[in-house]
């Protein structure tokens, strides 16, 4: 077996899904579903002042068009991550916590997909979400 560095030296980087995921916009932070037929990723504008989570699905071997998730688009939603069972989607967002009235620091949130709909985002408790920015959810 080759060491990791030998494999990477012989590999040629390629764009991921050109003109679908890799576009002139600012794509980042991708989560792949357990089935491999859905991607959730962040798309932002050039200056990263507007960012949202988008869903891309594969049907009959072809990728569709990215769609803004129903709960995203009002705040800075970034860094999606599916839990190991694929039942929850975690993400970082600057949306206000229940006790707040305006966008603040970044916290970790999650949603569930049930009966064809995304749930209302729920913030993790203060064990995870502190007084400063919290990023990169992982389980």
C-alpha atoms as a PDB file:
ATOM      1  CA  UNK A   1       0.000   0.000   0.000  1.00  0.00           C
ATOM      2  CA  UNK A   2       1.323   3.442  -0.919  1.00  0.00           C
ATOM      3  CA  UNK A   3       1.743   6.074   1.778  1.00  0.00           C
ATOM      4  CA  UNK A   4      -0.776   8.929   1.657  1.00  0.00           C
ATOM      5  CA  UNK A   5       1.741  11.463   0.345  1.00  0.00           C
ATOM      6  CA  UNK A   6       2.574   9.215  -2.637  1.00  0.00           C
ATOM      7  CA  UNK A   7      -1.083   8.925  -3.583  1.00  0.00           C
ATOM      8  CA  UNK A   8      -1.667  12.666  -3.401  1.00  0.00           C
ATOM      9  CA  UNK A   9       1.433  13.447  -5.453  1.00  0.00           C
ATOM     10  CA  UNK A  10       0.127  11.309  -8.336  1.00  0.00           C
ATOM     11  CA  UNK A  11      -3.442  12.635  -8.159  1.00  0.00           C
ATOM     12  CA  UNK A  12      -4.688  15.421 -10.367  1.00  0.00           C
ATOM     13  CA  UNK A  13      -7.277  17.703  -8.737  1.00  0.00           C
ATOM     14  CA  UNK A  14     -10.540  18.074 -10.623  1.00  0.00           C
ATOM     15  CA  UNK A  15     -13.497  20.391 -10.138  1.00  0.00           C
ATOM     16  CA  UNK A  16     -16.415  18.757  -8.345  1.00  0.00           C
ATOM     17  CA  UNK A  17     -19.579  18.831 -10.470  1.00  0.00           C
ATOM     18  CA  UNK A  18     -18.547  21.776 -12.686  1.00  0.00           C
ATOM     19  CA  UNK A  19     -21.360  24.286 -13.373  1.00  0.00           C
ATOM     20  CA  UNK A  20     -23.538  22.543 -10.765  1.00  0.00           C
ATOM     21  CA  UNK A  21     -21.595  22.823  -7.500  1.00  0.00           C
ATOM     22  CA  UNK A  22     -18.405  24.474  -8.764  1.00  0.00           C
ATOM     23  CA  UNK A  23     -19.602  27.820 -10.144  1.00  0.00           C
ATOM     24  CA  UNK A  24     -18.508  31.481 -10.038  1.00  0.00           C
ATOM     25  CA  UNK A  25     -20.282  31.771  -6.648  1.00  0.00           C
ATOM     26  CA  UNK A  26     -18.556  30.937  -3.351  1.00  0.00           C
ATOM     27  CA  UNK A  27     -19.316  27.291  -2.542  1.00  0.00           C
ATOM     28  CA  UNK A  28     -17.995  25.769   0.674  1.00  0.00           C
ATOM     29  CA  UNK A  29     -18.759  23.295   3.472  1.00  0.00           C
ATOM     30  CA  UNK A  30     -20.418  20.196   2.021  1.00  0.00           C
ATOM     31  CA  UNK A  31     -22.274  17.357   3.743  1.00  0.00           C
ATOM     32  CA  UNK A  32     -23.130  14.173   1.824  1.00  0.00           C
ATOM     33  CA  UNK A  33     -26.140  12.055   2.814  1.00  0.00           C
ATOM     34  CA  UNK A  34     -25.675   8.409   3.790  1.00  0.00           C
ATOM     35  CA  UNK A  35     -27.291   7.309   0.532  1.00  0.00           C
ATOM     36  CA  UNK A  36     -24.940   9.535  -1.479  1.00  0.00           C
ATOM     37  CA  UNK A  37     -27.796  11.042  -3.473  1.00  0.00           C
ATOM     38  CA  UNK A  38     -28.109  14.322  -1.577  1.00  0.00           C
ATOM     39  CA  UNK A  39     -25.642  17.092  -0.826  1.00  0.00           C
ATOM     40  CA  UNK A  40     -26.138  20.058   1.455  1.00  0.00           C
ATOM     41  CA  UNK A  41     -23.608  22.825   1.051  1.00  0.00           C
ATOM     42  CA  UNK A  42     -23.070  26.525   1.616  1.00  0.00           C
ATOM     43  CA  UNK A  43     -23.312  29.039  -1.201  1.00  0.00           C
ATOM     44  CA  UNK A  44     -22.260  32.619  -0.598  1.00  0.00           C
ATOM     45  CA  UNK A  45     -21.923  35.745  -2.665  1.00  0.00           C
ATOM     46  CA  UNK A  46     -18.525  37.217  -3.547  1.00  0.00           C
ATOM     47  CA  UNK A  47     -17.954  39.058  -0.282  1.00  0.00           C
ATOM     48  CA  UNK A  48     -19.486  36.273   1.870  1.00  0.00           C
ATOM     49  CA  UNK A  49     -22.015  38.681   3.418  1.00  0.00           C
ATOM     50  CA  UNK A  50     -24.889  36.491   2.219  1.00  0.00           C
ATOM     51  CA  UNK A  51     -24.633  32.727   2.744  1.00  0.00           C
ATOM     52  CA  UNK A  52     -27.226  29.975   2.828  1.00  0.00           C
ATOM     53  CA  UNK A  53     -27.567  26.205   2.830  1.00  0.00           C
ATOM     54  CA  UNK A  54     -28.562  24.556  -0.438  1.00  0.00           C
ATOM     55  CA  UNK A  55     -29.742  21.045  -1.207  1.00  0.00           C
ATOM     56  CA  UNK A  56     -28.687  19.198  -4.338  1.00  0.00           C
ATOM     57  CA  UNK A  57     -30.273  15.819  -5.106  1.00  0.00           C
ATOM     58  CA  UNK A  58     -29.484  13.076  -7.566  1.00  0.00           C
ATOM     59  CA  UNK A  59     -32.309  11.285  -9.372  1.00  0.00           C
ATOM     60  CA  UNK A  60     -31.974   8.611 -12.057  1.00  0.00           C
ATOM     61  CA  UNK A  61     -28.214   9.186 -12.154  1.00  0.00           C
ATOM     62  CA  UNK A  62     -28.404  12.968 -12.722  1.00  0.00           C
ATOM     63  CA  UNK A  63     -27.871  15.845 -10.334  1.00  0.00           C
ATOM     64  CA  UNK A  64     -30.654  18.441 -10.210  1.00  0.00           C
ATOM     65  CA  UNK A  65     -30.351  22.138  -9.476  1.00  0.00           C
ATOM     66  CA  UNK A  66     -29.411  23.449  -6.029  1.00  0.00           C
ATOM     67  CA  UNK A  67     -32.371  24.628  -3.949  1.00  0.00           C
ATOM     68  CA  UNK A  68     -32.205  26.905  -0.925  1.00  0.00           C
ATOM     69  CA  UNK A  69     -33.355  24.954   2.119  1.00  0.00           C
ATOM     70  CA  UNK A  70     -36.657  26.196   3.544  1.00  0.00           C
ATOM     71  CA  UNK A  71     -35.173  27.217   6.901  1.00  0.00           C
ATOM     72  CA  UNK A  72     -32.147  28.998   5.411  1.00  0.00           C
ATOM     73  CA  UNK A  73     -31.577  32.313   3.680  1.00  0.00           C
ATOM     74  CA  UNK A  74     -32.367  34.888   6.347  1.00  0.00           C
ATOM     75  CA  UNK A  75     -29.192  34.457   8.407  1.00  0.00           C
ATOM     76  CA  UNK A  76     -25.630  33.298   7.785  1.00  0.00           C
ATOM     77  CA  UNK A  77     -26.063  29.511   7.686  1.00  0.00           C
ATOM     78  CA  UNK A  78     -22.858  27.561   7.030  1.00  0.00           C
ATOM     79  CA  UNK A  79     -20.984  24.284   7.644  1.00  0.00           C
ATOM     80  CA  UNK A  80     -23.658  21.553   7.313  1.00  0.00           C
ATOM     81  CA  UNK A  81     -23.040  18.110   8.821  1.00  0.00           C
ATOM     82  CA  UNK A  82     -25.287  15.026   8.791  1.00  0.00           C
ATOM     83  CA  UNK A  83     -25.362  12.965  11.974  1.00  0.00           C
ATOM     84  CA  UNK A  84     -24.094   9.369  11.558  1.00  0.00           C
ATOM     85  CA  UNK A  85     -27.639   7.988  11.175  1.00  0.00           C
ATOM     86  CA  UNK A  86     -28.630  10.696   8.700  1.00  0.00           C
ATOM     87  CA  UNK A  87     -31.552  11.845  10.847  1.00  0.00           C
ATOM     88  CA  UNK A  88     -30.344  15.339  11.695  1.00  0.00           C
ATOM     89  CA  UNK A  89     -28.535  18.065   9.807  1.00  0.00           C
ATOM     90  CA  UNK A  90     -26.317  20.204  12.030  1.00  0.00           C
ATOM     91  CA  UNK A  91     -25.006  23.602  10.924  1.00  0.00           C
ATOM     92  CA  UNK A  92     -23.497  26.831  12.239  1.00  0.00           C
ATOM     93  CA  UNK A  93     -25.567  30.012  12.082  1.00  0.00           C
ATOM     94  CA  UNK A  94     -25.631  33.538  13.430  1.00  0.00           C
ATOM     95  CA  UNK A  95     -29.453  33.421  13.773  1.00  0.00           C
ATOM     96  CA  UNK A  96     -30.690  34.743  17.119  1.00  0.00           C
ATOM     97  CA  UNK A  97     -31.119  32.333  19.998  1.00  0.00           C
ATOM     98  CA  UNK A  98     -34.554  32.175  21.656  1.00  0.00           C
ATOM     99  CA  UNK A  99     -33.467  34.745  24.249  1.00  0.00           C
ATOM    100  CA  UNK A 100     -32.198  37.175  21.568  1.00  0.00           C
ATOM    101  CA  UNK A 101     -33.906  39.508  19.113  1.00  0.00           C
ATOM    102  CA  UNK A 102     -31.209  39.965  16.464  1.00  0.00           C
ATOM    103  CA  UNK A 103     -28.459  37.977  14.764  1.00  0.00           C
ATOM    104  CA  UNK A 104     -25.434  37.488  16.970  1.00  0.00           C
ATOM    105  CA  UNK A 105     -22.466  35.177  17.205  1.00  0.00           C
ATOM    106  CA  UNK A 106     -22.392  31.802  15.479  1.00  0.00           C
ATOM    107  CA  UNK A 107     -23.924  28.833  17.290  1.00  0.00           C
ATOM    108  CA  UNK A 108     -24.544  25.207  16.366  1.00  0.00           C
ATOM    109  CA  UNK A 109     -28.107  24.365  15.290  1.00  0.00           C
ATOM    110  CA  UNK A 110     -29.859  21.312  13.882  1.00  0.00           C
ATOM    111  CA  UNK A 111     -32.933  20.427  11.854  1.00  0.00           C
ATOM    112  CA  UNK A 112     -34.656  17.135  11.121  1.00  0.00           C
ATOM    113  CA  UNK A 113     -36.287  16.038   7.869  1.00  0.00           C
ATOM    114  CA  UNK A 114     -39.641  14.389   8.567  1.00  0.00           C
ATOM    115  CA  UNK A 115     -42.669  13.774   6.374  1.00  0.00           C
ATOM    116  CA  UNK A 116     -41.101  15.707   3.502  1.00  0.00           C
ATOM    117  CA  UNK A 117     -40.388  18.866   5.519  1.00  0.00           C
ATOM    118  CA  UNK A 118     -37.487  20.365   7.422  1.00  0.00           C
ATOM    119  CA  UNK A 119     -38.155  21.118  11.081  1.00  0.00           C
ATOM    120  CA  UNK A 120     -37.663  24.510  12.668  1.00  0.00           C
ATOM    121  CA  UNK A 121     -33.958  24.972  13.551  1.00  0.00           C
ATOM    122  CA  UNK A 122     -33.090  24.156  17.165  1.00  0.00           C
ATOM    123  CA  UNK A 123     -29.979  25.508  18.868  1.00  0.00           C
ATOM    124  CA  UNK A 124     -27.835  23.154  20.920  1.00  0.00           C
ATOM    125  CA  UNK A 125     -27.656  24.034  24.594  1.00  0.00           C
ATOM    126  CA  UNK A 126     -24.915  25.981  26.372  1.00  0.00           C
ATOM    127  CA  UNK A 127     -22.815  22.833  26.811  1.00  0.00           C
ATOM    128  CA  UNK A 128     -21.885  23.344  23.141  1.00  0.00           C
ATOM    129  CA  UNK A 129     -22.918  26.918  22.336  1.00  0.00           C
ATOM    130  CA  UNK A 130     -20.866  29.381  24.349  1.00  0.00           C
ATOM    131  CA  UNK A 131     -20.670  33.149  24.473  1.00  0.00           C
ATOM    132  CA  UNK A 132     -18.349  33.290  21.449  1.00  0.00           C
ATOM    133  CA  UNK A 133     -18.605  31.836  17.952  1.00  0.00           C
ATOM    134  CA  UNK A 134     -19.071  28.079  17.649  1.00  0.00           C
ATOM    135  CA  UNK A 135     -18.194  26.474  14.306  1.00  0.00           C
ATOM    136  CA  UNK A 136     -17.722  23.186  12.445  1.00  0.00           C
ATOM    137  CA  UNK A 137     -20.306  20.811  13.920  1.00  0.00           C
ATOM    138  CA  UNK A 138     -19.285  17.172  14.052  1.00  0.00           C
ATOM    139  CA  UNK A 139     -20.698  14.123  15.809  1.00  0.00           C
END
